[in-house]
Amino acid sequence: MTGTVEPIPLLRGERGAPRPPYAPAPLPGGADAPAAPRHGRPRVLLAPVTVTPGKPLTPSHLKGLFWVDVMYRATARLADVTYRYSPTTYHPTDQTLGFWEYLDHTLGDTDYSQLSEEEIGELYVGYRADGRQTPVSALRPYLDAIEQHGWVHPSSARVLELWSAQYARLGMHDPGLTEHQPPGMTLDEVLDRLVPLGLCLDMREYGGPVYLDATRYGLPLRQIATAQGRPNYLACALRELVPLVPGYDEVVLLYDRELEPDYQLLQRVLAELGPVVRRVPVGRVPIDGQIRSARHGDWRGHSAGALLEALGADHDGPALRLGMRLYFIATLGPGDRQSFRPDLLRQCVVRAERMLGSYEATAGAAAAEAGLTGFLERQRGDHAYVDPYRLTSGLLAKHRPAPVHELLPAVFL
């Protein structure tokens, strides 16, 4: 799945069949496009922060995912884009392994195949509240199963299965949620690459941890692995990205604002490997004025599944897809000041219905394609990627109308 650009799976018709008015247009490089090389187009890698598959998708998660989806689909009209999102890469973190061990320790052999993500999320809340420190020896069998066999605990496999269905209903490109996508390097291979560049301090020989070292840029040392080699999230990101980034002109890191220090460091390290590296922080969505972690169950009542159930009863798929993007991107913006408001979300879906009511598909004429390309290029600024906020706000602008007939199926539906 990585390295390809594909249309949204569930909305594609048979090859050669008429495409319904609301179906997304094929992305360049997808199954409907010629496989000829496209010279002169920048190569862009989108690498968003991943969500741990142990709880439901929250409004904060949805905001980030819509941000990436619109950026991916819009930028793919202008560049050769890879959307790298691999849950496999981050399974070895203590957060995930600890949850799996907790489930097996407390519940034993359990059938998770019929549980909802909310029910599994309640188990995750219990795990974080328990606070039990899991010994490294208890986590080792899980790590070996991941690294050697591509194994996923059935609880997380169930959550990823449910997320994949929600992605399809929301019209989001699935970058391979349920696929085995291992990173291209081991931790030791990453260190072998970074130590000669003076970007790593490996103290394991002396019984100490491993640090990223960008102190020459004024950034503090950051531990990425224990003395026993247990990686944190940043080490897993390096295992994935260090072997990938030299093949791209621009790398775009999308992440939660609370991770700003780590992503400043990651940007510095990856830039040493050749590409231009951009950081795009996306603010979380407060609930009743407070930003809380999913570990506290802040998804209750407004998880992705709950929102789809509530809105899907009154609105069809295209209105849901467009309306949610209008709300989570254009209305909330990149910051984190506005609390989640179901009433405003519903208003955006109603507005989307009105927009779609006056929408009529047009033939894919060269002039129309050129108009879309020009419009998208104006949303890029000095970088290769298309800015989702500028683009979505531009869709609503009255003083400079957007090429709606081309833009909606290409990017928003």
Protein backbone atom coordinates (compact mmCIF):
# COMPACT_ATOMS: atom_id res chain seq x y z
CA MET A 1 0.00 0.00 0.00
CA THR A 2 2.84 2.38 0.77
CA GLY A 3 4.34 4.18 -2.17
CA THR A 4 1.13 4.06 -4.20
CA VAL A 5 -1.66 6.52 -4.74
CA GLU A 6 -5.09 4.96 -4.91
CA PRO A 7 -8.67 6.18 -5.03
CA ILE A 8 -10.95 5.59 -2.08
CA PRO A 9 -11.68 1.85 -2.31
CA LEU A 10 -15.38 1.51 -1.51
CA LEU A 11 -16.55 4.23 -3.89
CA ARG A 12 -14.91 2.99 -7.07
CA GLY A 13 -17.08 1.54 -9.79
CA GLU A 14 -16.10 -1.20 -12.20
CA ARG A 15 -13.45 -0.21 -14.71
CA GLY A 16 -15.09 1.58 -17.61
CA ALA A 17 -18.42 2.01 -15.78
CA PRO A 18 -19.87 5.52 -15.34
CA ARG A 19 -18.59 7.11 -12.13
CA PRO A 20 -21.40 8.30 -9.83
CA PRO A 21 -21.50 12.09 -9.28
CA TYR A 22 -20.30 11.88 -5.68
CA ALA A 23 -17.54 9.33 -6.25
CA PRO A 24 -13.98 10.58 -5.68
CA ALA A 25 -11.96 11.20 -8.79
CA PRO A 26 -9.02 8.86 -9.42
CA LEU A 27 -5.76 10.10 -7.97
CA PRO A 28 -2.72 10.34 -10.27
CA GLY A 29 -0.80 7.11 -10.05
CA GLY A 30 -3.83 5.05 -9.01
CA ALA A 31 -5.31 2.08 -10.76
CA ASP A 32 -7.13 4.34 -13.24
CA ALA A 33 -4.00 6.29 -14.23
CA PRO A 34 -1.19 5.32 -16.62
CA ALA A 35 1.92 3.92 -14.99
CA ALA A 36 4.25 6.15 -17.00
CA PRO A 37 6.85 8.10 -14.98
CA ARG A 38 6.00 11.70 -14.23
CA HIS A 39 9.12 13.77 -14.68
CA GLY A 40 9.55 17.06 -12.87
CA ARG A 41 7.09 16.26 -10.09
CA PRO A 42 8.48 16.50 -6.54
CA ARG A 43 8.59 13.35 -4.44
CA VAL A 44 6.78 13.89 -1.14
CA LEU A 45 6.58 11.64 1.92
CA LEU A 46 3.70 12.27 4.35
CA ALA A 47 4.49 10.78 7.76
CA PRO A 48 1.75 11.52 10.31
CA VAL A 49 1.89 10.47 13.93
CA THR A 50 0.09 7.15 14.44
CA VAL A 51 -2.69 6.33 16.86
CA THR A 52 -2.21 3.40 19.24
CA PRO A 53 -4.85 0.77 18.33
CA GLY A 54 -6.25 0.28 21.81
CA LYS A 55 -9.16 2.70 21.95
CA PRO A 56 -11.72 4.48 19.75
CA LEU A 57 -10.85 7.34 17.44
CA THR A 58 -11.56 10.61 19.25
CA PRO A 59 -12.38 14.05 17.80
CA SER A 60 -8.67 14.90 18.16
CA HIS A 61 -7.75 11.79 16.17
CA LEU A 62 -10.36 12.56 13.52
CA LYS A 63 -9.08 16.09 13.11
CA GLY A 64 -5.55 14.89 12.46
CA LEU A 65 -6.69 12.11 10.12
CA PHE A 66 -8.85 14.43 8.02
CA TRP A 67 -5.96 16.88 7.88
CA VAL A 68 -3.67 14.19 6.48
CA ASP A 69 -6.28 12.80 4.10
CA VAL A 70 -6.98 16.15 2.45
CA MET A 71 -3.27 16.96 2.27
CA TYR A 72 -2.55 13.58 0.69
CA ARG A 73 -5.29 13.64 -1.91
CA ALA A 74 -4.68 17.27 -2.89
CA THR A 75 -0.90 17.01 -3.02
CA ALA A 76 -1.17 13.83 -5.10
CA ARG A 77 -2.54 15.97 -7.95
CA LEU A 78 0.74 17.88 -8.05
CA ALA A 79 3.44 15.51 -6.76
CA ASP A 80 4.37 11.85 -6.34
CA VAL A 81 3.20 11.19 -2.79
CA THR A 82 3.73 8.36 -0.32
CA TYR A 83 1.44 8.27 2.72
CA ARG A 84 3.36 6.28 5.32
CA TYR A 85 1.27 5.18 8.27
CA SER A 86 2.32 1.87 9.75
CA PRO A 87 0.85 0.62 13.04
CA THR A 88 3.32 -2.27 12.75
CA THR A 89 6.26 0.08 13.30
CA TYR A 90 4.99 1.30 16.68
CA HIS A 91 3.71 -1.96 18.19
CA PRO A 92 7.11 -2.48 19.98
CA THR A 93 6.59 0.52 22.27
CA ASP A 94 6.01 -0.21 25.95
CA GLN A 95 2.61 1.50 25.74
CA THR A 96 1.31 -1.09 23.28
CA LEU A 97 3.18 -4.15 24.56
CA GLY A 98 2.22 -3.30 28.13
CA PHE A 99 -1.46 -3.13 27.19
CA TRP A 100 -1.29 -6.50 25.44
CA GLU A 101 0.46 -8.13 28.39
CA TYR A 102 -2.08 -6.56 30.77
CA LEU A 103 -4.97 -8.02 28.79
CA ASP A 104 -3.47 -11.50 28.75
CA HIS A 105 -2.52 -11.27 32.42
CA THR A 106 -5.96 -10.12 33.59
CA LEU A 107 -8.34 -11.66 31.04
CA GLY A 108 -6.47 -14.65 29.71
CA ASP A 109 -7.66 -16.24 26.47
CA THR A 110 -10.44 -13.86 25.39
CA ASP A 111 -12.39 -13.57 22.14
CA TYR A 112 -12.18 -9.93 21.04
CA SER A 113 -13.72 -10.43 17.60
CA GLN A 114 -17.18 -9.18 18.62
CA LEU A 115 -16.11 -6.32 20.90
CA SER A 116 -16.58 -2.71 19.88
CA GLU A 117 -13.68 -0.27 19.98
CA GLU A 118 -15.41 1.43 22.92
CA GLU A 119 -15.39 -1.83 24.89
CA ILE A 120 -11.72 -2.38 24.11
CA GLY A 121 -11.12 1.27 24.99
CA GLU A 122 -12.58 0.69 28.45
CA LEU A 123 -10.01 -2.08 28.91
CA TYR A 124 -7.30 0.38 27.87
CA VAL A 125 -8.53 2.91 30.44
CA GLY A 126 -8.32 0.16 33.05
CA TYR A 127 -4.77 -0.66 32.00
CA ARG A 128 -3.60 2.96 32.31
CA ALA A 129 -5.37 3.36 35.66
CA ASP A 130 -3.78 0.16 36.97
CA GLY A 131 -0.30 1.69 36.76
CA ARG A 132 1.40 -1.67 37.06
CA GLN A 133 5.00 -1.73 35.84
CA THR A 134 5.46 -4.66 33.48
CA PRO A 135 8.92 -6.27 33.63
CA VAL A 136 10.90 -6.34 30.42
CA SER A 137 11.04 -10.12 30.57
CA ALA A 138 7.24 -10.28 30.31
CA LEU A 139 7.23 -8.08 27.20
CA ARG A 140 9.98 -9.96 25.36
CA PRO A 141 7.73 -12.73 23.92
CA TYR A 142 5.38 -10.10 22.46
CA LEU A 143 8.27 -8.19 20.89
CA ASP A 144 9.70 -11.36 19.38
CA ALA A 145 6.30 -12.29 17.93
CA ILE A 146 6.01 -8.84 16.30
CA GLU A 147 9.52 -8.69 14.91
CA GLN A 148 9.77 -12.30 13.73
CA HIS A 149 6.22 -13.18 12.72
CA GLY A 150 4.32 -9.91 12.21
CA TRP A 151 1.94 -10.87 15.02
CA VAL A 152 -0.71 -8.47 16.35
CA HIS A 153 -2.66 -9.02 19.55
CA PRO A 154 -6.31 -9.86 18.74
CA SER A 155 -7.55 -6.80 20.66
CA SER A 156 -5.57 -4.41 18.47
CA ALA A 157 -6.32 -6.45 15.36
CA ARG A 158 -10.01 -5.94 16.13
CA VAL A 159 -9.59 -2.19 16.64
CA LEU A 160 -7.69 -1.85 13.35
CA GLU A 161 -10.41 -3.80 11.58
CA LEU A 162 -13.06 -1.42 12.95
CA TRP A 163 -10.98 1.63 12.08
CA SER A 164 -10.54 0.38 8.53
CA ALA A 165 -14.32 0.20 8.12
CA GLN A 166 -14.68 3.72 9.57
CA TYR A 167 -12.01 5.04 7.19
CA ALA A 168 -14.01 3.63 4.28
CA ARG A 169 -17.26 5.18 5.49
CA LEU A 170 -15.56 8.54 6.01
CA GLY A 171 -13.96 8.42 2.57
CA MET A 172 -10.41 8.43 3.94
CA HIS A 173 -7.57 6.72 2.15
CA ASP A 174 -6.54 3.59 4.06
CA PRO A 175 -2.72 3.50 4.11
CA GLY A 176 -2.69 -0.15 5.18
CA LEU A 177 -4.08 -0.25 8.71
CA THR A 178 -4.43 -4.02 8.79
CA GLU A 179 -1.32 -4.79 6.73
CA HIS A 180 2.06 -5.89 8.07
CA GLN A 181 4.37 -2.96 7.30
CA PRO A 182 7.62 -3.44 9.23
CA PRO A 183 10.21 -0.64 9.41
CA GLY A 184 13.16 -0.82 7.05
CA MET A 185 15.85 -0.82 9.75
CA THR A 186 16.57 -2.32 13.14
CA LEU A 187 17.47 0.04 15.96
CA ASP A 188 21.14 -0.90 15.69
CA GLU A 189 21.11 -0.15 11.96
CA VAL A 190 19.64 3.28 12.68
CA LEU A 191 22.36 3.96 15.24
CA ASP A 192 25.03 2.85 12.76
CA ARG A 193 23.65 5.50 10.40
CA LEU A 194 23.38 8.30 12.94
CA VAL A 195 26.52 7.86 15.06
CA PRO A 196 28.92 8.84 12.20
CA LEU A 197 26.80 11.98 11.71
CA GLY A 198 27.28 12.93 15.35
CA LEU A 199 23.54 12.67 16.00
CA CYS A 200 23.50 9.84 18.48
CA LEU A 201 25.04 9.06 21.85
CA ASP A 202 24.97 5.32 22.58
CA MET A 203 25.85 4.64 26.23
CA ARG A 204 24.79 0.99 26.34
CA GLU A 205 28.41 -0.16 26.46
CA TYR A 206 28.64 1.58 29.82
CA GLY A 207 25.25 0.46 31.10
CA GLY A 208 23.46 3.65 30.03
CA PRO A 209 20.65 4.49 27.58
CA VAL A 210 20.72 5.72 23.97
CA TYR A 211 20.22 9.43 23.22
CA LEU A 212 19.57 11.49 20.14
CA ASP A 213 22.11 14.28 20.18
CA ALA A 214 21.23 17.51 18.38
CA THR A 215 22.81 19.73 21.02
CA ARG A 216 24.77 21.56 18.33
CA TYR A 217 21.40 22.93 17.19
CA GLY A 218 20.52 24.04 20.70
CA LEU A 219 18.21 21.07 21.32
CA PRO A 220 18.49 18.94 24.49
CA LEU A 221 19.56 15.31 24.55
CA ARG A 222 16.59 12.97 24.17
CA GLN A 223 16.59 9.37 25.31
CA ILE A 224 15.25 6.99 22.64
CA ALA A 225 16.11 3.58 24.13
CA THR A 226 16.92 2.08 27.50
CA ALA A 227 20.19 0.39 28.41
CA GLN A 228 18.50 -2.88 27.42
CA GLY A 229 17.59 -1.48 23.99
CA ARG A 230 13.86 -0.98 24.67
CA PRO A 231 12.71 1.72 22.21
CA ASN A 232 10.35 4.59 22.77
CA TYR A 233 8.07 6.11 20.13
CA LEU A 234 10.82 8.31 18.71
CA ALA A 235 13.15 5.35 18.19
CA CYS A 236 10.40 3.52 16.30
CA ALA A 237 9.87 6.58 14.11
CA LEU A 238 13.57 6.63 13.27
CA ARG A 239 13.52 2.93 12.35
CA GLU A 240 10.76 3.72 9.88
CA LEU A 241 11.87 7.06 8.48
CA VAL A 242 15.69 6.94 8.35
CA PRO A 243 15.73 4.38 5.51
CA LEU A 244 12.88 6.13 3.67
CA VAL A 245 13.64 9.84 3.62
CA PRO A 246 16.71 9.89 1.33
CA GLY A 247 14.40 8.95 -1.56
CA TYR A 248 12.24 12.08 -1.24
CA ASP A 249 12.52 15.78 -2.01
CA GLU A 250 10.22 16.80 0.85
CA VAL A 251 9.15 15.02 4.03
CA VAL A 252 6.10 16.28 5.91
CA LEU A 253 5.72 15.38 9.59
CA LEU A 254 2.19 15.84 10.96
CA TYR A 255 1.78 15.52 14.71
CA ASP A 256 0.07 16.55 17.91
CA ARG A 257 1.29 19.91 19.23
CA GLU A 258 2.15 18.30 22.56
CA LEU A 259 4.89 16.38 20.72
CA GLU A 260 6.57 19.58 19.49
CA PRO A 261 9.98 19.03 21.17
CA ASP A 262 10.33 15.50 19.77
CA TYR A 263 9.34 16.57 16.28
CA GLN A 264 11.73 19.51 16.28
CA LEU A 265 14.43 16.96 17.03
CA LEU A 266 13.16 14.50 14.42
CA GLN A 267 13.13 17.26 11.81
CA ARG A 268 16.77 18.12 12.51
CA VAL A 269 17.90 14.51 12.33
CA LEU A 270 16.02 13.65 9.12
CA ALA A 271 17.15 16.85 7.39
CA GLU A 272 20.75 15.66 7.80
CA LEU A 273 19.87 12.76 5.50
CA GLY A 274 19.08 14.98 2.52
CA PRO A 275 15.44 16.04 2.11
CA VAL A 276 13.65 19.21 3.07
CA VAL A 277 11.69 18.31 6.22
CA ARG A 278 8.51 20.22 7.13
CA ARG A 279 6.68 20.13 10.45
CA VAL A 280 2.89 20.53 10.51
CA PRO A 281 1.53 20.56 14.08
CA VAL A 282 -2.21 20.03 14.47
CA GLY A 283 -3.90 21.03 17.72
CA ARG A 284 -6.09 18.65 19.66
CA VAL A 285 -9.83 19.14 20.12
CA PRO A 286 -10.79 20.05 23.70
CA ILE A 287 -13.83 18.42 25.26
CA ASP A 288 -15.77 20.87 27.42
CA GLY A 289 -12.75 23.18 27.45
CA GLN A 290 -10.24 20.54 28.50
CA ILE A 291 -7.68 18.60 26.49
CA ARG A 292 -7.44 15.14 27.98
CA SER A 293 -5.76 11.97 26.85
CA ALA A 294 -7.71 8.97 25.57
CA ARG A 295 -6.29 7.09 28.56
CA HIS A 296 -8.99 8.85 30.60
CA GLY A 297 -11.81 7.80 28.27
CA ASP A 298 -12.38 11.26 26.77
CA TRP A 299 -13.95 9.57 23.71
CA ARG A 300 -17.11 8.52 25.54
CA GLY A 301 -20.15 9.72 23.62
CA HIS A 302 -18.21 11.26 20.73
CA SER A 303 -15.98 8.55 19.32
CA ALA A 304 -15.85 8.13 15.55
CA GLY A 305 -18.33 5.29 15.79
CA ALA A 306 -20.75 7.32 17.91
CA LEU A 307 -20.55 10.31 15.56
CA LEU A 308 -21.13 8.15 12.51
CA GLU A 309 -24.13 6.53 14.16
CA ALA A 310 -25.66 9.87 15.22
CA LEU A 311 -25.07 11.72 11.93
CA GLY A 312 -25.55 8.75 9.64
CA ALA A 313 -29.16 8.40 10.74
CA ASP A 314 -30.06 11.72 9.07
CA HIS A 315 -27.41 12.32 6.41
CA ASP A 316 -25.98 10.33 3.54
CA GLY A 317 -22.35 9.37 2.98
CA PRO A 318 -21.21 12.24 0.74
CA ALA A 319 -22.64 14.87 3.11
CA LEU A 320 -20.94 13.15 6.07
CA ARG A 321 -17.58 13.04 4.32
CA LEU A 322 -17.65 16.64 3.16
CA GLY A 323 -19.29 18.04 6.30
CA MET A 324 -16.81 16.42 8.66
CA ARG A 325 -13.92 17.86 6.68
CA LEU A 326 -15.51 21.31 6.75
CA TYR A 327 -15.82 21.07 10.54
CA PHE A 328 -12.56 19.42 11.58
CA ILE A 329 -10.38 21.41 9.17
CA ALA A 330 -11.98 24.75 8.24
CA THR A 331 -14.04 25.37 11.40
CA LEU A 332 -11.61 24.14 14.05
CA GLY A 333 -8.46 25.28 12.23
CA PRO A 334 -4.93 24.24 13.17
CA GLY A 335 -5.13 25.40 16.80
CA ASP A 336 -6.70 23.89 19.90
CA ARG A 337 -8.86 26.69 21.31
CA GLN A 338 -12.30 25.53 20.19
CA SER A 339 -14.01 22.78 22.14
CA PHE A 340 -15.81 20.04 20.29
CA ARG A 341 -19.38 21.09 19.46
CA PRO A 342 -21.74 18.47 18.01
CA ASP A 343 -24.17 21.22 16.97
CA LEU A 344 -21.55 22.94 14.79
CA LEU A 345 -20.53 19.60 13.32
CA ARG A 346 -24.13 18.92 12.34
CA GLN A 347 -24.41 22.43 10.85
CA CYS A 348 -21.36 21.69 8.70
CA VAL A 349 -22.94 18.45 7.48
CA VAL A 350 -26.15 20.34 6.61
CA ARG A 351 -24.08 22.93 4.76
CA ALA A 352 -22.35 20.13 2.90
CA GLU A 353 -25.75 18.79 1.85
CA ARG A 354 -26.63 22.17 0.39
CA MET A 355 -23.33 22.34 -1.47
CA LEU A 356 -23.82 18.85 -2.86
CA GLY A 357 -27.41 19.63 -3.79
CA SER A 358 -26.18 22.16 -6.32
CA TYR A 359 -23.27 19.99 -7.39
CA GLU A 360 -23.24 18.35 -10.78
CA ALA A 361 -20.38 16.25 -12.09
CA THR A 362 -18.75 17.61 -15.22
CA ALA A 363 -16.70 15.91 -17.87
CA GLY A 364 -13.00 15.74 -17.12
CA ALA A 365 -12.02 18.35 -19.70
CA ALA A 366 -8.42 19.50 -19.91
CA ALA A 367 -9.44 23.06 -19.06
CA ALA A 368 -11.22 21.92 -15.90
CA GLU A 369 -8.19 19.86 -14.84
CA ALA A 370 -5.92 22.84 -15.46
CA GLY A 371 -8.21 25.02 -13.32
CA LEU A 372 -8.03 22.52 -10.47
CA THR A 373 -4.26 22.25 -10.76
CA GLY A 374 -3.84 26.01 -10.66
CA PHE A 375 -6.14 26.34 -7.67
CA LEU A 376 -4.25 23.63 -5.75
CA GLU A 377 -0.88 25.17 -6.58
CA ARG A 378 -2.02 28.43 -4.95
CA GLN A 379 -2.57 26.55 -1.67
CA ARG A 380 1.04 25.34 -1.47
CA GLY A 381 3.08 28.41 -0.54
CA ASP A 382 6.82 27.68 -0.60
CA HIS A 383 6.43 23.95 0.01
CA ALA A 384 5.44 20.96 -2.13
CA TYR A 385 2.43 19.88 -0.05
CA VAL A 386 -1.00 21.48 -0.24
CA ASP A 387 -2.12 23.20 2.97
CA PRO A 388 -5.40 21.53 4.08
CA TYR A 389 -6.60 24.57 6.02
CA ARG A 390 -6.02 27.00 3.17
CA LEU A 391 -7.61 24.59 0.73
CA THR A 392 -10.71 23.83 2.78
CA SER A 393 -11.22 27.48 3.71
CA GLY A 394 -10.81 28.33 0.02
CA LEU A 395 -13.59 25.90 -0.79
CA LEU A 396 -15.92 28.09 1.27
CA ALA A 397 -14.60 31.47 0.11
CA LYS A 398 -17.08 33.66 -1.76
CA HIS A 399 -14.70 36.32 -3.07
CA ARG A 400 -12.65 33.79 -5.03
CA PRO A 401 -14.78 30.76 -5.89
CA ALA A 402 -13.09 27.37 -5.96
CA PRO A 403 -13.43 24.91 -8.87
CA VAL A 404 -15.99 22.94 -6.88
CA HIS A 405 -16.97 20.53 -9.66
CA GLU A 406 -13.41 19.23 -9.87
CA LEU A 407 -12.28 19.80 -6.28
CA LEU A 408 -15.02 17.90 -4.43
CA PRO A 409 -14.54 14.48 -6.06
CA ALA A 410 -10.77 14.88 -6.25
CA VAL A 411 -10.16 15.76 -2.59
CA PHE A 412 -13.21 15.95 -0.34
CA LEU A 413 -15.53 13.02 -1.17
